[in-house]
Amino acid sequence: SLAIRTVFGEHAYKLPVSSTKSSLGHLLGASGAVELIICVKAINKSVIPPTINLDNQDERCDLKMDFVPLEARQTKVNIAMSNSFGFGGHNACLVVGKI
């Protein structure tokens, strides 16, 4: 949540935040590709996938952020962002949107 808040400032509190790793596990090299598919489907289907099993948020996270726990959220999605953090510091951020 710190990185999201650092980049987006106060606007971060208006952005839904979700993680699919709890649903899919760690897919190693395929993670980024699968996350891209999930982002595109979220935009096309107007649904934000949930972070399953998120019953108690870590107090180190900014609890004012709009996390999407347990159930998918139906809402218009124009832009989606996926952050991927790999072994050895290989990190990437992918942003996709409607055309």
PDB file of N, CA and C in Angstrom:
ATOM      1  N   SER A   1       0.818  -1.197   0.000  1.00  0.00           N
ATOM      2  CA  SER A   1       0.000   0.000   0.000  1.00  0.00           C
ATOM      3  C   SER A   1       0.863   1.263   0.000  1.00  0.00           C
ATOM      4  N   LEU A   2       2.052   1.168   0.540  1.00  0.00           N
ATOM      5  CA  LEU A   2       2.943   2.335   0.570  1.00  0.00           C
ATOM      6  C   LEU A   2       3.310   2.784  -0.843  1.00  0.00           C
ATOM      7  N   ALA A   3       3.632   1.837  -1.719  1.00  0.00           N
ATOM      8  CA  ALA A   3       4.002   2.192  -3.096  1.00  0.00           C
ATOM      9  C   ALA A   3       2.826   2.837  -3.823  1.00  0.00           C
ATOM     10  N   ILE A   4       1.645   2.296  -3.649  1.00  0.00           N
ATOM     11  CA  ILE A   4       0.458   2.854  -4.312  1.00  0.00           C
ATOM     12  C   ILE A   4       0.199   4.267  -3.802  1.00  0.00           C
ATOM     13  N   ARG A   5       0.285   4.454  -2.509  1.00  0.00           N
ATOM     14  CA  ARG A   5       0.056   5.772  -1.916  1.00  0.00           C
ATOM     15  C   ARG A   5       1.143   6.760  -2.337  1.00  0.00           C
ATOM     16  N   THR A   6       2.377   6.285  -2.452  1.00  0.00           N
ATOM     17  CA  THR A   6       3.477   7.157  -2.865  1.00  0.00           C
ATOM     18  C   THR A   6       3.269   7.659  -4.292  1.00  0.00           C
ATOM     19  N   VAL A   7       2.838   6.785  -5.181  1.00  0.00           N
ATOM     20  CA  VAL A   7       2.645   7.158  -6.587  1.00  0.00           C
ATOM     21  C   VAL A   7       1.387   7.996  -6.787  1.00  0.00           C
ATOM     22  N   PHE A   8       0.278   7.587  -6.168  1.00  0.00           N
ATOM     23  CA  PHE A   8      -1.008   8.220  -6.455  1.00  0.00           C
ATOM     24  C   PHE A   8      -1.447   9.262  -5.426  1.00  0.00           C
ATOM     25  N   GLY A   9      -0.700   9.404  -4.347  1.00  0.00           N
ATOM     26  CA  GLY A   9      -1.050  10.401  -3.336  1.00  0.00           C
ATOM     27  C   GLY A   9      -2.436  10.151  -2.753  1.00  0.00           C
ATOM     28  N   GLU A  10      -3.174  11.224  -2.519  1.00  0.00           N
ATOM     29  CA  GLU A  10      -4.517  11.113  -1.927  1.00  0.00           C
ATOM     30  C   GLU A  10      -5.487  10.362  -2.831  1.00  0.00           C
ATOM     31  N   HIS A  11      -5.231  10.364  -4.139  1.00  0.00           N
ATOM     32  CA  HIS A  11      -6.106   9.640  -5.078  1.00  0.00           C
ATOM     33  C   HIS A  11      -6.063   8.131  -4.826  1.00  0.00           C
ATOM     34  N   ALA A  12      -5.015   7.647  -4.179  1.00  0.00           N
ATOM     35  CA  ALA A  12      -4.889   6.213  -3.889  1.00  0.00           C
ATOM     36  C   ALA A  12      -6.076   5.692  -3.096  1.00  0.00           C
ATOM     37  N   TYR A  13      -6.695   6.544  -2.285  1.00  0.00           N
ATOM     38  CA  TYR A  13      -7.813   6.107  -1.452  1.00  0.00           C
ATOM     39  C   TYR A  13      -9.095   5.901  -2.253  1.00  0.00           C
ATOM     40  N   LYS A  14      -9.093   6.312  -3.516  1.00  0.00           N
ATOM     41  CA  LYS A  14     -10.252   6.125  -4.389  1.00  0.00           C
ATOM     42  C   LYS A  14     -10.062   4.937  -5.325  1.00  0.00           C
ATOM     43  N   LEU A  15      -8.916   4.277  -5.260  1.00  0.00           N
ATOM     44  CA  LEU A  15      -8.595   3.179  -6.172  1.00  0.00           C
ATOM     45  C   LEU A  15      -8.829   1.830  -5.497  1.00  0.00           C
ATOM     46  N   PRO A  16      -9.647   0.969  -6.089  1.00  0.00           N
ATOM     47  CA  PRO A  16      -9.802  -0.375  -5.536  1.00  0.00           C
ATOM     48  C   PRO A  16      -8.493  -1.154  -5.679  1.00  0.00           C
ATOM     49  N   VAL A  17      -8.124  -1.900  -4.648  1.00  0.00           N
ATOM     50  CA  VAL A  17      -6.883  -2.674  -4.641  1.00  0.00           C
ATOM     51  C   VAL A  17      -7.223  -4.138  -4.416  1.00  0.00           C
ATOM     52  N   SER A  18      -6.698  -5.000  -5.288  1.00  0.00           N
ATOM     53  CA  SER A  18      -6.984  -6.427  -5.217  1.00  0.00           C
ATOM     54  C   SER A  18      -5.712  -7.211  -5.507  1.00  0.00           C
ATOM     55  N   SER A  19      -5.656  -8.424  -4.992  1.00  0.00           N
ATOM     56  CA  SER A  19      -4.537  -9.318  -5.290  1.00  0.00           C
ATOM     57  C   SER A  19      -5.086 -10.696  -5.632  1.00  0.00           C
ATOM     58  N   THR A  20      -4.660 -11.239  -6.764  1.00  0.00           N
ATOM     59  CA  THR A  20      -5.150 -12.562  -7.171  1.00  0.00           C
ATOM     60  C   THR A  20      -4.206 -13.688  -6.761  1.00  0.00           C
ATOM     61  N   LYS A  21      -3.068 -13.350  -6.189  1.00  0.00           N
ATOM     62  CA  LYS A  21      -2.109 -14.388  -5.798  1.00  0.00           C
ATOM     63  C   LYS A  21      -2.717 -15.358  -4.789  1.00  0.00           C
ATOM     64  N   SER A  22      -3.616 -14.873  -3.945  1.00  0.00           N
ATOM     65  CA  SER A  22      -4.265 -15.754  -2.978  1.00  0.00           C
ATOM     66  C   SER A  22      -5.161 -16.778  -3.670  1.00  0.00           C
ATOM     67  N   SER A  23      -5.615 -16.483  -4.869  1.00  0.00           N
ATOM     68  CA  SER A  23      -6.447 -17.416  -5.639  1.00  0.00           C
ATOM     69  C   SER A  23      -5.618 -18.361  -6.495  1.00  0.00           C
ATOM     70  N   LEU A  24      -4.508 -17.856  -7.014  1.00  0.00           N
ATOM     71  CA  LEU A  24      -3.737 -18.590  -8.016  1.00  0.00           C
ATOM     72  C   LEU A  24      -2.451 -19.211  -7.495  1.00  0.00           C
ATOM     73  N   GLY A  25      -1.956 -18.727  -6.378  1.00  0.00           N
ATOM     74  CA  GLY A  25      -0.648 -19.165  -5.912  1.00  0.00           C
ATOM     75  C   GLY A  25       0.437 -18.446  -6.695  1.00  0.00           C
ATOM     76  N   HIS A  26       1.671 -18.891  -6.535  1.00  0.00           N
ATOM     77  CA  HIS A  26       2.787 -18.260  -7.246  1.00  0.00           C
ATOM     78  C   HIS A  26       3.021 -19.021  -8.544  1.00  0.00           C
ATOM     79  N   LEU A  27       2.846 -18.350  -9.658  1.00  0.00           N
ATOM     80  CA  LEU A  27       2.977 -18.977 -10.974  1.00  0.00           C
ATOM     81  C   LEU A  27       4.338 -18.737 -11.607  1.00  0.00           C
ATOM     82  N   LEU A  28       5.284 -18.248 -10.817  1.00  0.00           N
ATOM     83  CA  LEU A  28       6.653 -18.003 -11.276  1.00  0.00           C
ATOM     84  C   LEU A  28       6.654 -17.161 -12.543  1.00  0.00           C
ATOM     85  N   GLY A  29       7.255 -17.644 -13.619  1.00  0.00           N
ATOM     86  CA  GLY A  29       7.396 -16.872 -14.848  1.00  0.00           C
ATOM     87  C   GLY A  29       6.090 -16.565 -15.550  1.00  0.00           C
ATOM     88  N   ALA A  30       5.043 -17.321 -15.253  1.00  0.00           N
ATOM     89  CA  ALA A  30       3.747 -17.092 -15.895  1.00  0.00           C
ATOM     90  C   ALA A  30       2.918 -16.027 -15.184  1.00  0.00           C
ATOM     91  N   SER A  31       3.348 -15.599 -14.018  1.00  0.00           N
ATOM     92  CA  SER A  31       2.544 -14.675 -13.206  1.00  0.00           C
ATOM     93  C   SER A  31       2.168 -13.397 -13.953  1.00  0.00           C
ATOM     94  N   GLY A  32       3.119 -12.770 -14.601  1.00  0.00           N
ATOM     95  CA  GLY A  32       2.850 -11.522 -15.304  1.00  0.00           C
ATOM     96  C   GLY A  32       1.842 -11.689 -16.426  1.00  0.00           C
ATOM     97  N   ALA A  33       1.966 -12.773 -17.191  1.00  0.00           N
ATOM     98  CA  ALA A  33       1.038 -13.026 -18.293  1.00  0.00           C
ATOM     99  C   ALA A  33      -0.373 -13.280 -17.772  1.00  0.00           C
ATOM    100  N   VAL A  34      -0.477 -14.054 -16.712  1.00  0.00           N
ATOM    101  CA  VAL A  34      -1.790 -14.344 -16.130  1.00  0.00           C
ATOM    102  C   VAL A  34      -2.405 -13.064 -15.559  1.00  0.00           C
ATOM    103  N   GLU A  35      -1.599 -12.235 -14.911  1.00  0.00           N
ATOM    104  CA  GLU A  35      -2.102 -10.968 -14.381  1.00  0.00           C
ATOM    105  C   GLU A  35      -2.584 -10.049 -15.507  1.00  0.00           C
ATOM    106  N   LEU A  36      -1.894 -10.049 -16.647  1.00  0.00           N
ATOM    107  CA  LEU A  36      -2.347  -9.263 -17.794  1.00  0.00           C
ATOM    108  C   LEU A  36      -3.734  -9.725 -18.231  1.00  0.00           C
ATOM    109  N   ILE A  37      -3.926 -11.029 -18.338  1.00  0.00           N
ATOM    110  CA  ILE A  37      -5.231 -11.579 -18.726  1.00  0.00           C
ATOM    111  C   ILE A  37      -6.300 -11.159 -17.722  1.00  0.00           C
ATOM    112  N   ILE A  38      -5.989 -11.245 -16.439  1.00  0.00           N
ATOM    113  CA  ILE A  38      -6.952 -10.858 -15.404  1.00  0.00           C
ATOM    114  C   ILE A  38      -7.302  -9.375 -15.518  1.00  0.00           C
ATOM    115  N   CYS A  39      -6.318  -8.530 -15.772  1.00  0.00           N
ATOM    116  CA  CYS A  39      -6.575  -7.094 -15.936  1.00  0.00           C
ATOM    117  C   CYS A  39      -7.488  -6.826 -17.130  1.00  0.00           C
ATOM    118  N   VAL A  40      -7.212  -7.461 -18.253  1.00  0.00           N
ATOM    119  CA  VAL A  40      -8.034  -7.270 -19.454  1.00  0.00           C
ATOM    120  C   VAL A  40      -9.455  -7.757 -19.203  1.00  0.00           C
ATOM    121  N   LYS A  41      -9.606  -8.904 -18.561  1.00  0.00           N
ATOM    122  CA  LYS A  41     -10.943  -9.427 -18.260  1.00  0.00           C
ATOM    123  C   LYS A  41     -11.674  -8.533 -17.262  1.00  0.00           C
ATOM    124  N   ALA A  42     -10.964  -7.964 -16.310  1.00  0.00           N
ATOM    125  CA  ALA A  42     -11.598  -7.046 -15.355  1.00  0.00           C
ATOM    126  C   ALA A  42     -12.200  -5.854 -16.090  1.00  0.00           C
ATOM    127  N   ILE A  43     -11.462  -5.338 -17.065  1.00  0.00           N
ATOM    128  CA  ILE A  43     -11.959  -4.214 -17.859  1.00  0.00           C
ATOM    129  C   ILE A  43     -13.144  -4.648 -18.713  1.00  0.00           C
ATOM    130  N   ASN A  44     -13.009  -5.768 -19.415  1.00  0.00           N
ATOM    131  CA  ASN A  44     -14.064  -6.227 -20.325  1.00  0.00           C
ATOM    132  C   ASN A  44     -15.336  -6.660 -19.614  1.00  0.00           C
ATOM    133  N   LYS A  45     -15.212  -7.231 -18.431  1.00  0.00           N
ATOM    134  CA  LYS A  45     -16.375  -7.758 -17.697  1.00  0.00           C
ATOM    135  C   LYS A  45     -16.876  -6.809 -16.608  1.00  0.00           C
ATOM    136  N   SER A  46     -16.188  -5.679 -16.422  1.00  0.00           N
ATOM    137  CA  SER A  46     -16.549  -4.705 -15.381  1.00  0.00           C
ATOM    138  C   SER A  46     -16.633  -5.348 -14.000  1.00  0.00           C
ATOM    139  N   VAL A  47     -15.569  -6.048 -13.644  1.00  0.00           N
ATOM    140  CA  VAL A  47     -15.533  -6.705 -12.342  1.00  0.00           C
ATOM    141  C   VAL A  47     -14.106  -6.673 -11.795  1.00  0.00           C
ATOM    142  N   ILE A  48     -13.988  -6.403 -10.507  1.00  0.00           N
ATOM    143  CA  ILE A  48     -12.686  -6.428  -9.841  1.00  0.00           C
ATOM    144  C   ILE A  48     -12.605  -7.729  -9.060  1.00  0.00           C
ATOM    145  N   PRO A  49     -11.621  -8.571  -9.369  1.00  0.00           N
ATOM    146  CA  PRO A  49     -11.525  -9.843  -8.646  1.00  0.00           C
ATOM    147  C   PRO A  49     -11.168  -9.601  -7.178  1.00  0.00           C
ATOM    148  N   PRO A  50     -11.619 -10.489  -6.310  1.00  0.00           N
ATOM    149  CA  PRO A  50     -11.353 -10.289  -4.884  1.00  0.00           C
ATOM    150  C   PRO A  50      -9.990 -10.818  -4.463  1.00  0.00           C
ATOM    151  N   THR A  51      -9.572 -10.377  -3.309  1.00  0.00           N
ATOM    152  CA  THR A  51      -8.450 -11.001  -2.615  1.00  0.00           C
ATOM    153  C   THR A  51      -9.088 -11.997  -1.656  1.00  0.00           C
ATOM    154  N   ILE A  52      -9.076 -13.279  -2.033  1.00  0.00           N
ATOM    155  CA  ILE A  52      -9.742 -14.267  -1.182  1.00  0.00           C
ATOM    156  C   ILE A  52      -8.966 -14.443   0.119  1.00  0.00           C
ATOM    157  N   ASN A  53      -9.661 -14.883   1.132  1.00  0.00           N
ATOM    158  CA  ASN A  53      -9.093 -15.146   2.462  1.00  0.00           C
ATOM    159  C   ASN A  53      -8.560 -13.894   3.152  1.00  0.00           C
ATOM    160  N   LEU A  54      -8.949 -12.726   2.698  1.00  0.00           N
ATOM    161  CA  LEU A  54      -8.514 -11.489   3.357  1.00  0.00           C
ATOM    162  C   LEU A  54      -9.528 -11.136   4.445  1.00  0.00           C
ATOM    163  N   ASP A  55      -9.351 -11.756   5.589  1.00  0.00           N
ATOM    164  CA  ASP A  55     -10.247 -11.517   6.721  1.00  0.00           C
ATOM    165  C   ASP A  55      -9.715 -10.411   7.623  1.00  0.00           C
ATOM    166  N   ASN A  56      -8.407 -10.381   7.803  1.00  0.00           N
ATOM    167  CA  ASN A  56      -7.767  -9.388   8.662  1.00  0.00           C
ATOM    168  C   ASN A  56      -6.606  -8.756   7.907  1.00  0.00           C
ATOM    169  N   GLN A  57      -6.701  -7.463   7.684  1.00  0.00           N
ATOM    170  CA  GLN A  57      -5.631  -6.765   6.980  1.00  0.00           C
ATOM    171  C   GLN A  57      -4.454  -6.535   7.911  1.00  0.00           C
ATOM    172  N   ASP A  58      -3.267  -6.598   7.348  1.00  0.00           N
ATOM    173  CA  ASP A  58      -2.048  -6.326   8.098  1.00  0.00           C
ATOM    174  C   ASP A  58      -2.061  -4.864   8.534  1.00  0.00           C
ATOM    175  N   GLU A  59      -1.830  -4.633   9.801  1.00  0.00           N
ATOM    176  CA  GLU A  59      -1.875  -3.262  10.318  1.00  0.00           C
ATOM    177  C   GLU A  59      -0.794  -2.366   9.717  1.00  0.00           C
ATOM    178  N   ARG A  60       0.225  -2.971   9.084  1.00  0.00           N
ATOM    179  CA  ARG A  60       1.258  -2.166   8.418  1.00  0.00           C
ATOM    180  C   ARG A  60       0.756  -1.590   7.099  1.00  0.00           C
ATOM    181  N   CYS A  61      -0.354  -2.143   6.586  1.00  0.00           N
ATOM    182  CA  CYS A  61      -0.960  -1.597   5.371  1.00  0.00           C
ATOM    183  C   CYS A  61      -1.826  -0.402   5.742  1.00  0.00           C
ATOM    184  N   ASP A  62      -1.999   0.475   4.803  1.00  0.00           N
ATOM    185  CA  ASP A  62      -2.847   1.642   5.022  1.00  0.00           C
ATOM    186  C   ASP A  62      -4.301   1.175   5.004  1.00  0.00           C
ATOM    187  N   LEU A  63      -4.918   1.095   6.154  1.00  0.00           N
ATOM    188  CA  LEU A  63      -6.252   0.521   6.271  1.00  0.00           C
ATOM    189  C   LEU A  63      -7.346   1.403   5.690  1.00  0.00           C
ATOM    190  N   LYS A  64      -7.015   2.626   5.280  1.00  0.00           N
ATOM    191  CA  LYS A  64      -8.009   3.495   4.645  1.00  0.00           C
ATOM    192  C   LYS A  64      -8.138   3.185   3.155  1.00  0.00           C
ATOM    193  N   MET A  65      -7.239   2.364   2.624  1.00  0.00           N
ATOM    194  CA  MET A  65      -7.290   2.053   1.196  1.00  0.00           C
ATOM    195  C   MET A  65      -8.487   1.160   0.898  1.00  0.00           C
ATOM    196  N   ASP A  66      -8.936   1.193  -0.342  1.00  0.00           N
ATOM    197  CA  ASP A  66     -10.135   0.470  -0.771  1.00  0.00           C
ATOM    198  C   ASP A  66      -9.775  -0.941  -1.228  1.00  0.00           C
ATOM    199  N   PHE A  67      -9.466  -1.808  -0.278  1.00  0.00           N
ATOM    200  CA  PHE A  67      -9.156  -3.197  -0.610  1.00  0.00           C
ATOM    201  C   PHE A  67     -10.446  -3.924  -1.005  1.00  0.00           C
ATOM    202  N   VAL A  68     -10.325  -4.927  -1.885  1.00  0.00           N
ATOM    203  CA  VAL A  68     -11.484  -5.698  -2.346  1.00  0.00           C
ATOM    204  C   VAL A  68     -11.344  -7.115  -1.789  1.00  0.00           C
ATOM    205  N   PRO A  69     -11.846  -7.359  -0.572  1.00  0.00           N
ATOM    206  CA  PRO A  69     -11.687  -8.679   0.038  1.00  0.00           C
ATOM    207  C   PRO A  69     -12.858  -9.608  -0.268  1.00  0.00           C
ATOM    208  N   LEU A  70     -12.572 -10.906  -0.307  1.00  0.00           N
ATOM    209  CA  LEU A  70     -13.553 -11.987  -0.258  1.00  0.00           C
ATOM    210  C   LEU A  70     -14.479 -12.134  -1.452  1.00  0.00           C
ATOM    211  N   GLU A  71     -15.091 -11.075  -1.957  1.00  0.00           N
ATOM    212  CA  GLU A  71     -16.028 -11.188  -3.079  1.00  0.00           C
ATOM    213  C   GLU A  71     -15.681 -10.184  -4.173  1.00  0.00           C
ATOM    214  N   ALA A  72     -15.893 -10.614  -5.421  1.00  0.00           N
ATOM    215  CA  ALA A  72     -15.650  -9.720  -6.555  1.00  0.00           C
ATOM    216  C   ALA A  72     -16.575  -8.509  -6.463  1.00  0.00           C
ATOM    217  N   ARG A  73     -16.141  -7.419  -7.057  1.00  0.00           N
ATOM    218  CA  ARG A  73     -16.935  -6.189  -7.043  1.00  0.00           C
ATOM    219  C   ARG A  73     -17.303  -5.811  -8.473  1.00  0.00           C
ATOM    220  N   GLN A  74     -18.591  -5.702  -8.745  1.00  0.00           N
ATOM    221  CA  GLN A  74     -19.074  -5.262 -10.053  1.00  0.00           C
ATOM    222  C   GLN A  74     -18.961  -3.744 -10.113  1.00  0.00           C
ATOM    223  N   THR A  75     -18.207  -3.238 -11.052  1.00  0.00           N
ATOM    224  CA  THR A  75     -18.061  -1.796 -11.242  1.00  0.00           C
ATOM    225  C   THR A  75     -17.374  -1.552 -12.580  1.00  0.00           C
ATOM    226  N   LYS A  76     -17.582  -0.396 -13.135  1.00  0.00           N
ATOM    227  CA  LYS A  76     -16.919  -0.050 -14.388  1.00  0.00           C
ATOM    228  C   LYS A  76     -15.419   0.066 -14.139  1.00  0.00           C
ATOM    229  N   VAL A  77     -14.645  -0.586 -14.978  1.00  0.00           N
ATOM    230  CA  VAL A  77     -13.182  -0.551 -14.877  1.00  0.00           C
ATOM    231  C   VAL A  77     -12.644  -0.022 -16.206  1.00  0.00           C
ATOM    232  N   ASN A  78     -12.012   1.133 -16.181  1.00  0.00           N
ATOM    233  CA  ASN A  78     -11.436   1.717 -17.396  1.00  0.00           C
ATOM    234  C   ASN A  78      -9.946   1.444 -17.527  1.00  0.00           C
ATOM    235  N   ILE A  79      -9.261   1.378 -16.397  1.00  0.00           N
ATOM    236  CA  ILE A  79      -7.816   1.167 -16.372  1.00  0.00           C
ATOM    237  C   ILE A  79      -7.496   0.184 -15.259  1.00  0.00           C
ATOM    238  N   ALA A  80      -6.571  -0.731 -15.528  1.00  0.00           N
ATOM    239  CA  ALA A  80      -6.134  -1.684 -14.506  1.00  0.00           C
ATOM    240  C   ALA A  80      -4.608  -1.718 -14.493  1.00  0.00           C
ATOM    241  N   MET A  81      -4.059  -1.903 -13.309  1.00  0.00           N
ATOM    242  CA  MET A  81      -2.612  -1.945 -13.142  1.00  0.00           C
ATOM    243  C   MET A  81      -2.231  -3.224 -12.410  1.00  0.00           C
ATOM    244  N   SER A  82      -1.174  -3.863 -12.883  1.00  0.00           N
ATOM    245  CA  SER A  82      -0.649  -5.060 -12.225  1.00  0.00           C
ATOM    246  C   SER A  82       0.814  -4.823 -11.875  1.00  0.00           C
ATOM    247  N   ASN A  83       1.140  -5.042 -10.616  1.00  0.00           N
ATOM    248  CA  ASN A  83       2.526  -4.951 -10.156  1.00  0.00           C
ATOM    249  C   ASN A  83       3.063  -6.363  -9.981  1.00  0.00           C
ATOM    250  N   SER A  84       4.202  -6.646 -10.580  1.00  0.00           N
ATOM    251  CA  SER A  84       4.831  -7.962 -10.453  1.00  0.00           C
ATOM    252  C   SER A  84       6.202  -7.798  -9.812  1.00  0.00           C
ATOM    253  N   PHE A  85       6.443  -8.594  -8.794  1.00  0.00           N
ATOM    254  CA  PHE A  85       7.712  -8.537  -8.067  1.00  0.00           C
ATOM    255  C   PHE A  85       8.360  -9.904  -8.150  1.00  0.00           C
ATOM    256  N   GLY A  86       9.498  -9.989  -8.845  1.00  0.00           N
ATOM    257  CA  GLY A  86      10.148 -11.272  -9.075  1.00  0.00           C
ATOM    258  C   GLY A  86      11.364 -11.482  -8.207  1.00  0.00           C
ATOM    259  N   PHE A  87      11.919 -12.660  -8.352  1.00  0.00           N
ATOM    260  CA  PHE A  87      13.126 -13.010  -7.610  1.00  0.00           C
ATOM    261  C   PHE A  87      14.286 -12.131  -8.066  1.00  0.00           C
ATOM    262  N   GLY A  88      15.166 -11.802  -7.163  1.00  0.00           N
ATOM    263  CA  GLY A  88      16.364 -11.045  -7.506  1.00  0.00           C
ATOM    264  C   GLY A  88      16.108  -9.594  -7.848  1.00  0.00           C
ATOM    265  N   GLY A  89      14.953  -9.065  -7.464  1.00  0.00           N
ATOM    266  CA  GLY A  89      14.671  -7.658  -7.719  1.00  0.00           C
ATOM    267  C   GLY A  89      14.152  -7.352  -9.109  1.00  0.00           C
ATOM    268  N   HIS A  90      13.701  -8.354  -9.838  1.00  0.00           N
ATOM    269  CA  HIS A  90      13.117  -8.124 -11.155  1.00  0.00           C
ATOM    270  C   HIS A  90      11.654  -7.754 -10.963  1.00  0.00           C
ATOM    271  N   ASN A  91      11.331  -6.496 -11.177  1.00  0.00           N
ATOM    272  CA  ASN A  91       9.997  -5.984 -10.923  1.00  0.00           C
ATOM    273  C   ASN A  91       9.459  -5.301 -12.170  1.00  0.00           C
ATOM    274  N   ALA A  92       8.126  -5.310 -12.307  1.00  0.00           N
ATOM    275  CA  ALA A  92       7.499  -4.655 -13.448  1.00  0.00           C
ATOM    276  C   ALA A  92       6.111  -4.177 -13.058  1.00  0.00           C
ATOM    277  N   CYS A  93       5.667  -3.142 -13.736  1.00  0.00           N
ATOM    278  CA  CYS A  93       4.317  -2.629 -13.556  1.00  0.00           C
ATOM    279  C   CYS A  93       3.690  -2.531 -14.940  1.00  0.00           C
ATOM    280  N   LEU A  94       2.497  -3.068 -15.070  1.00  0.00           N
ATOM    281  CA  LEU A  94       1.800  -3.077 -16.346  1.00  0.00           C
ATOM    282  C   LEU A  94       0.475  -2.346 -16.172  1.00  0.00           C
ATOM    283  N   VAL A  95       0.193  -1.394 -17.056  1.00  0.00           N
ATOM    284  CA  VAL A  95      -1.062  -0.653 -17.009  1.00  0.00           C
ATOM    285  C   VAL A  95      -1.776  -0.866 -18.333  1.00  0.00           C
ATOM    286  N   VAL A  96      -3.048  -1.286 -18.267  1.00  0.00           N
ATOM    287  CA  VAL A  96      -3.852  -1.485 -19.471  1.00  0.00           C
ATOM    288  C   VAL A  96      -5.149  -0.702 -19.311  1.00  0.00           C
ATOM    289  N   GLY A  97      -5.726  -0.302 -20.442  1.00  0.00           N
ATOM    290  CA  GLY A  97      -6.969   0.455 -20.380  1.00  0.00           C
ATOM    291  C   GLY A  97      -7.815   0.251 -21.614  1.00  0.00           C
ATOM    292  N   LYS A  98      -9.057   0.710 -21.520  1.00  0.00           N
ATOM    293  CA  LYS A  98      -9.967   0.644 -22.663  1.00  0.00           C
ATOM    294  C   LYS A  98      -9.481   1.586 -23.753  1.00  0.00           C
ATOM    295  N   ILE A  99      -9.741   1.186 -24.966  1.00  0.00           N
ATOM    296  CA  ILE A  99      -9.382   2.045 -26.104  1.00  0.00           C
ATOM    297  C   ILE A  99     -10.641   2.701 -26.629  1.00  0.00           C
TER     298      ILE A  99
END
